[in-house]
Protein backbone atom coordinates (compact mmCIF):
# COMPACT_ATOMS: atom_id res chain seq x y z
CA MET A 1 0.00 0.00 0.00
CA SER A 2 1.43 3.35 -0.97
CA ASN A 3 1.30 6.59 0.98
CA PRO A 4 0.00 9.56 -1.08
CA VAL A 5 1.90 12.09 1.07
CA VAL A 6 5.21 10.30 0.51
CA GLU A 7 4.48 9.97 -3.20
CA GLU A 8 3.75 13.72 -3.42
CA VAL A 9 7.04 14.60 -1.70
CA GLU A 10 9.11 12.15 -3.75
CA ARG A 11 7.82 13.28 -7.14
CA HIS A 12 9.64 16.64 -6.91
CA ASP A 13 13.22 17.10 -8.12
CA VAL A 14 15.84 17.60 -5.38
CA SER A 15 18.79 18.55 -7.59
CA SER A 16 20.83 21.51 -6.43
CA ALA A 17 19.86 24.88 -7.91
CA VAL A 18 23.12 26.50 -6.78
CA ALA A 19 25.92 24.33 -8.12
CA VAL A 20 29.24 24.57 -9.93
CA ALA A 21 29.85 21.83 -12.50
CA GLY A 22 27.23 19.67 -10.80
CA HIS A 23 28.64 20.15 -7.29
CA PRO A 24 26.30 21.80 -4.75
CA VAL A 25 27.87 25.03 -3.46
CA HIS A 26 26.21 24.76 -0.03
CA ALA A 27 27.85 21.39 0.62
CA MET A 28 31.22 22.85 -0.36
CA LEU A 29 30.85 25.94 1.84
CA VAL A 30 29.64 24.39 5.10
CA THR A 31 32.96 22.70 5.80
CA PHE A 32 34.62 26.04 6.54
CA PRO A 33 32.33 27.38 9.29
CA ILE A 34 32.32 23.91 10.83
CA ALA A 35 36.12 23.82 10.92
CA PHE A 36 36.38 27.32 12.37
CA THR A 37 33.73 26.54 15.01
CA VAL A 38 35.79 23.52 16.07
CA GLY A 39 38.88 25.72 16.03
CA THR A 40 37.20 28.28 18.30
CA LEU A 41 36.42 25.63 20.90
CA GLY A 42 39.96 24.28 20.63
CA ALA A 43 41.49 27.73 21.10
CA ASP A 44 39.21 28.41 24.10
CA VAL A 45 40.25 25.15 25.77
CA LEU A 46 43.94 25.89 25.15
CA TYR A 47 43.53 29.42 26.57
CA TRP A 48 41.79 27.92 29.62
CA TRP A 49 44.63 25.44 30.15
CA TRP A 50 47.61 27.70 29.49
CA GLY A 51 46.34 31.26 29.85
CA ASP A 52 48.33 32.37 26.78
CA ALA A 53 46.70 35.42 25.15
CA PHE A 54 47.55 33.99 21.74
CA TRP A 55 44.75 31.42 22.11
CA ALA A 56 42.17 34.07 23.07
CA ARG A 57 43.17 36.05 19.97
CA ALA A 58 43.00 32.89 17.84
CA ALA A 59 39.48 32.21 19.16
CA LEU A 60 38.45 35.78 18.30
CA TRP A 61 39.57 35.36 14.70
CA SER A 62 38.25 31.82 14.41
CA SER A 63 34.81 32.76 15.71
CA GLY A 64 34.63 35.76 13.37
CA ILE A 65 35.61 33.74 10.33
CA ALA A 66 33.16 30.97 11.35
CA PHE A 67 30.36 33.53 11.55
CA ILE A 68 31.10 35.24 8.24
CA LEU A 69 31.50 31.98 6.34
CA GLY A 70 28.46 30.55 8.14
CA VAL A 71 26.34 33.43 6.93
CA ILE A 72 27.54 32.87 3.36
CA ALA A 73 26.83 29.12 3.57
CA GLY A 74 23.47 29.89 5.16
CA LEU A 75 22.51 32.25 2.33
CA VAL A 76 23.33 29.59 -0.25
CA GLY A 77 21.43 26.97 1.77
CA THR A 78 18.44 29.30 2.03
CA ALA A 79 18.54 29.82 -1.75
CA GLU A 80 18.40 26.03 -2.20
CA LEU A 81 15.47 25.80 0.21
CA VAL A 82 13.57 28.57 -1.55
CA LEU A 83 14.38 27.60 -5.14
CA VAL A 84 13.95 23.80 -5.05
CA LYS A 85 10.43 22.59 -4.31
CA GLY A 86 11.60 19.03 -3.59
CA ILE A 87 13.84 20.35 -0.81
CA ARG A 88 11.12 22.60 0.64
CA LYS A 89 8.66 19.70 0.79
CA ARG A 90 10.82 17.64 3.17
CA ALA A 91 10.46 18.23 6.91
CA ALA A 92 14.12 17.29 7.42
CA SER A 93 15.12 20.31 5.32
CA TRP A 94 13.38 22.64 7.74
CA THR A 95 14.91 20.91 10.77
CA HIS A 96 18.35 21.33 9.23
CA ALA A 97 17.67 24.97 8.34
CA ILE A 98 16.50 25.87 11.85
CA ALA A 99 19.45 24.11 13.50
CA ALA A 100 21.85 25.85 11.10
CA MET A 101 20.30 29.26 11.80
CA MET A 102 20.64 28.62 15.53
CA LEU A 103 24.29 27.71 14.95
CA ILE A 104 24.92 30.92 13.01
CA ALA A 105 23.29 32.94 15.82
CA ILE A 106 25.42 31.20 18.45
CA ILE A 107 28.71 31.70 16.61
CA GLY A 108 27.73 35.30 15.87
CA ALA A 109 27.07 35.93 19.56
CA ASN A 110 30.34 34.19 20.40
CA TRP A 111 32.26 36.47 18.05
CA GLY A 112 30.42 39.61 19.18
CA LEU A 113 31.21 38.80 22.80
CA ARG A 114 34.94 38.67 22.02
CA ILE A 115 35.32 41.85 19.96
CA SER A 116 35.75 44.30 22.83
CA ASP A 117 37.97 42.16 25.11
CA HIS A 118 38.91 38.80 23.63
CA GLU A 119 40.70 37.53 26.75
CA ALA A 120 37.99 38.38 29.29
CA ALA A 121 35.33 36.89 27.02
CA VAL A 122 36.74 33.37 27.02
CA LEU A 123 35.90 32.25 30.54
CA PRO A 124 33.22 31.22 31.18
CA THR A 125 30.83 32.61 28.55
CA GLY A 126 33.01 32.22 25.46
CA LEU A 127 33.87 28.64 26.33
CA PHE A 128 30.19 27.87 26.96
CA LEU A 129 29.13 29.40 23.62
CA SER A 130 31.89 27.48 21.84
CA GLY A 131 30.63 24.23 23.36
CA LEU A 132 27.04 25.11 22.50
CA GLY A 133 28.15 25.92 18.96
CA MET A 134 29.75 22.48 18.71
CA ALA A 135 26.49 20.88 19.85
CA PHE A 136 24.62 22.70 17.09
CA VAL A 137 27.31 21.73 14.56
CA GLY A 138 26.43 18.15 15.45
CA ILE A 139 22.67 18.70 15.22
CA ALA A 140 22.78 20.67 11.95
CA GLY A 141 25.37 18.29 10.50
CA TRP A 142 23.34 15.22 11.41
CA HIS A 143 20.26 16.57 9.68
CA GLY A 144 22.28 17.82 6.71
CA GLY A 145 23.78 14.36 6.34
CA LYS A 146 20.31 12.82 6.46
CA LEU A 147 19.25 15.12 3.63
CA VAL A 148 22.14 13.99 1.45
CA PHE A 149 22.33 10.30 2.31
CA GLU A 150 18.67 9.42 2.94
CA HIS A 151 16.81 11.94 0.77
CA GLN A 152 19.58 12.40 -1.83
CA ILE A 153 19.18 16.19 -1.68
CA GLY A 154 21.51 18.09 -3.97
CA LEU A 155 22.75 15.05 -5.84
CA MET A 156 22.97 15.66 -9.55
CA LEU A 157 23.44 12.22 -11.04
CA SER A 158 23.94 11.77 -14.73
CA GLU A 159 22.98 8.62 -16.60
CA ASN A 160 26.72 7.86 -16.91
CA ASP A 161 27.11 7.45 -13.11
């Protein structure tokens, strides 16, 4: 017995609308804010352990770069969500989008906290926000992976594949 709701969702194309040579741009961009978010947490932990101002400065730069690149990746992801009906129709797309927006807000707050005094911002609030950011990297990444591997979102397969 077939489910008409599932059939309706599955009949829409889920190919990427924002791609370069068949490669989805959003998938290429998200690796950078993820890496810089991990780097921010790492720098915070090293500052906490050693108290070297270098690590607080590294966390300032890392959080800023994570935020800027996260916004860019988020804009491309939002374009995919808006432009591709097959992506919009899947509930997992909205879960991923909300988790990713929360992540961008957290890393933006983390960066904003550090701008005026990057050393004083690390403990405890900066470290907490870095950890929270990592939690949302996991949540957004899990749902993004589900979109690619389970729903095959963004895959542009040719008949030669």
